[in-house]
Amino acid sequence: MYLNIEKKQEIFGKHGKGTTDTGSAESQIALFTYRISHLTEHLKKNRKDYVTARSLTQLVGKRRALLNYLYDRDVNRYRAIIKALGLRK
């Protein structure tokens, strides 16, 4: 499996407030970003996998909704997560 417990703890430890901080917007956005990059690589090899393409679209929508929430609540946290993940250039 591509996303095991150790990988999740690494993502949450790097972008959250600790390895047990699984609910903050920053840690969820980081997790979604990791999953999106994995699905994107899968779709480059399997371009006719429509179920995965739909899942990817849904994940991007969830991440965008969380980013919009974070932007409305605290612009500085929004800018920090965008910069940390390299989502915008």
C-alpha atoms as a PDB file:
ATOM      1  CA  MET A   1       0.000   0.000   0.000  1.00  0.00           C
ATOM      2  CA  TYR A   2       1.350   3.409  -0.918  1.00  0.00           C
ATOM      3  CA  LEU A   3       0.039   5.220   2.167  1.00  0.00           C
ATOM      4  CA  ASN A   4       0.920   3.371   5.344  1.00  0.00           C
ATOM      5  CA  ILE A   5       0.817   4.582   8.938  1.00  0.00           C
ATOM      6  CA  GLU A   6       4.462   5.669   8.942  1.00  0.00           C
ATOM      7  CA  LYS A   7       3.972   7.824   5.844  1.00  0.00           C
ATOM      8  CA  LYS A   8       0.866   9.446   7.344  1.00  0.00           C
ATOM      9  CA  GLN A   9       2.717  10.197  10.583  1.00  0.00           C
ATOM     10  CA  GLU A  10       5.556  11.723   8.562  1.00  0.00           C
ATOM     11  CA  ILE A  11       3.136  13.974   6.665  1.00  0.00           C
ATOM     12  CA  PHE A  12       1.266  14.994   9.820  1.00  0.00           C
ATOM     13  CA  GLY A  13       4.513  15.587  11.711  1.00  0.00           C
ATOM     14  CA  LYS A  14       5.907  17.783   8.959  1.00  0.00           C
ATOM     15  CA  HIS A  15       2.818  19.884   8.220  1.00  0.00           C
ATOM     16  CA  GLY A  16       0.717  19.580  11.369  1.00  0.00           C
ATOM     17  CA  LYS A  17       1.341  20.413  14.978  1.00  0.00           C
ATOM     18  CA  GLY A  18       2.614  16.893  15.650  1.00  0.00           C
ATOM     19  CA  THR A  19       2.203  13.304  14.529  1.00  0.00           C
ATOM     20  CA  THR A  20      -1.175  13.046  16.258  1.00  0.00           C
ATOM     21  CA  ASP A  21      -2.549  16.242  14.651  1.00  0.00           C
ATOM     22  CA  THR A  22      -4.651  14.602  11.976  1.00  0.00           C
ATOM     23  CA  GLY A  23      -7.567  17.013  11.857  1.00  0.00           C
ATOM     24  CA  SER A  24      -6.039  20.410  11.197  1.00  0.00           C
ATOM     25  CA  ALA A  25      -6.572  21.937   7.787  1.00  0.00           C
ATOM     26  CA  GLU A  26      -2.832  22.048   7.083  1.00  0.00           C
ATOM     27  CA  SER A  27      -2.305  18.358   7.747  1.00  0.00           C
ATOM     28  CA  GLN A  28      -5.367  17.368   5.707  1.00  0.00           C
ATOM     29  CA  ILE A  29      -4.254  19.533   2.783  1.00  0.00           C
ATOM     30  CA  ALA A  30      -0.797  17.951   2.926  1.00  0.00           C
ATOM     31  CA  LEU A  31      -2.326  14.466   2.959  1.00  0.00           C
ATOM     32  CA  PHE A  32      -4.604  15.295   0.027  1.00  0.00           C
ATOM     33  CA  THR A  33      -1.634  16.710  -1.888  1.00  0.00           C
ATOM     34  CA  TYR A  34       0.338  13.505  -1.369  1.00  0.00           C
ATOM     35  CA  ARG A  35      -2.608  11.396  -2.525  1.00  0.00           C
ATOM     36  CA  ILE A  36      -3.200  13.665  -5.545  1.00  0.00           C
ATOM     37  CA  SER A  37       0.413  13.336  -6.660  1.00  0.00           C
ATOM     38  CA  HIS A  38       0.220   9.551  -6.318  1.00  0.00           C
ATOM     39  CA  LEU A  39      -3.010   9.346  -8.338  1.00  0.00           C
ATOM     40  CA  THR A  40      -1.592  11.674 -10.979  1.00  0.00           C
ATOM     41  CA  GLU A  41       1.385   9.363 -11.484  1.00  0.00           C
ATOM     42  CA  HIS A  42      -0.986   6.388 -11.712  1.00  0.00           C
ATOM     43  CA  LEU A  43      -3.096   8.127 -14.355  1.00  0.00           C
ATOM     44  CA  LYS A  44      -0.034   8.925 -16.452  1.00  0.00           C
ATOM     45  CA  LYS A  45       0.492   5.172 -16.839  1.00  0.00           C
ATOM     46  CA  ASN A  46      -3.191   4.153 -16.944  1.00  0.00           C
ATOM     47  CA  ARG A  47      -4.966   6.866 -18.861  1.00  0.00           C
ATOM     48  CA  LYS A  48      -8.221   4.923 -19.274  1.00  0.00           C
ATOM     49  CA  ASP A  49      -8.752   4.370 -15.554  1.00  0.00           C
ATOM     50  CA  TYR A  50     -11.867   6.510 -15.281  1.00  0.00           C
ATOM     51  CA  VAL A  51     -12.667   5.559 -11.691  1.00  0.00           C
ATOM     52  CA  THR A  52      -9.289   6.846 -10.522  1.00  0.00           C
ATOM     53  CA  ALA A  53      -9.727   9.977 -12.632  1.00  0.00           C
ATOM     54  CA  ARG A  54     -13.025  10.659 -10.868  1.00  0.00           C
ATOM     55  CA  SER A  55     -11.418  10.054  -7.467  1.00  0.00           C
ATOM     56  CA  LEU A  56      -8.643  12.462  -8.387  1.00  0.00           C
ATOM     57  CA  THR A  57     -11.183  15.130  -9.337  1.00  0.00           C
ATOM     58  CA  GLN A  58     -12.978  14.663  -6.022  1.00  0.00           C
ATOM     59  CA  LEU A  59      -9.721  14.932  -4.049  1.00  0.00           C
ATOM     60  CA  VAL A  60      -8.763  18.124  -5.845  1.00  0.00           C
ATOM     61  CA  GLY A  61     -12.190  19.546  -4.985  1.00  0.00           C
ATOM     62  CA  LYS A  62     -11.830  18.605  -1.320  1.00  0.00           C
ATOM     63  CA  ARG A  63      -8.372  20.158  -1.169  1.00  0.00           C
ATOM     64  CA  ARG A  64      -9.639  23.332  -2.859  1.00  0.00           C
ATOM     65  CA  ALA A  65     -12.504  23.574  -0.356  1.00  0.00           C
ATOM     66  CA  LEU A  66     -10.078  23.251   2.569  1.00  0.00           C
ATOM     67  CA  LEU A  67      -7.766  25.846   1.025  1.00  0.00           C
ATOM     68  CA  ASN A  68     -10.702  28.233   0.608  1.00  0.00           C
ATOM     69  CA  TYR A  69     -11.695  27.628   4.241  1.00  0.00           C
ATOM     70  CA  LEU A  70      -8.159  28.331   5.397  1.00  0.00           C
ATOM     71  CA  TYR A  71      -7.976  31.474   3.253  1.00  0.00           C
ATOM     72  CA  ASP A  72     -11.192  32.802   4.788  1.00  0.00           C
ATOM     73  CA  ARG A  73     -10.074  32.060   8.358  1.00  0.00           C
ATOM     74  CA  ASP A  74      -6.380  32.959   8.348  1.00  0.00           C
ATOM     75  CA  VAL A  75      -4.522  34.215   5.284  1.00  0.00           C
ATOM     76  CA  ASN A  76      -1.110  33.737   6.894  1.00  0.00           C
ATOM     77  CA  ARG A  77      -1.735  30.023   7.520  1.00  0.00           C
ATOM     78  CA  TYR A  78      -3.008  29.743   3.939  1.00  0.00           C
ATOM     79  CA  ARG A  79       0.149  31.335   2.543  1.00  0.00           C
ATOM     80  CA  ALA A  80       2.353  29.149   4.742  1.00  0.00           C
ATOM     81  CA  ILE A  81       0.790  25.883   3.556  1.00  0.00           C
ATOM     82  CA  ILE A  82       0.835  27.005  -0.083  1.00  0.00           C
ATOM     83  CA  LYS A  83       4.529  27.789   0.216  1.00  0.00           C
ATOM     84  CA  ALA A  84       5.357  24.599   2.158  1.00  0.00           C
ATOM     85  CA  LEU A  85       3.651  22.348  -0.374  1.00  0.00           C
ATOM     86  CA  GLY A  86       4.666  24.345  -3.436  1.00  0.00           C
ATOM     87  CA  LEU A  87       1.143  24.535  -4.803  1.00  0.00           C
ATOM     88  CA  ARG A  88       1.528  27.937  -6.458  1.00  0.00           C
ATOM     89  CA  LYS A  89       4.489  29.503  -8.117  1.00  0.00           C
END
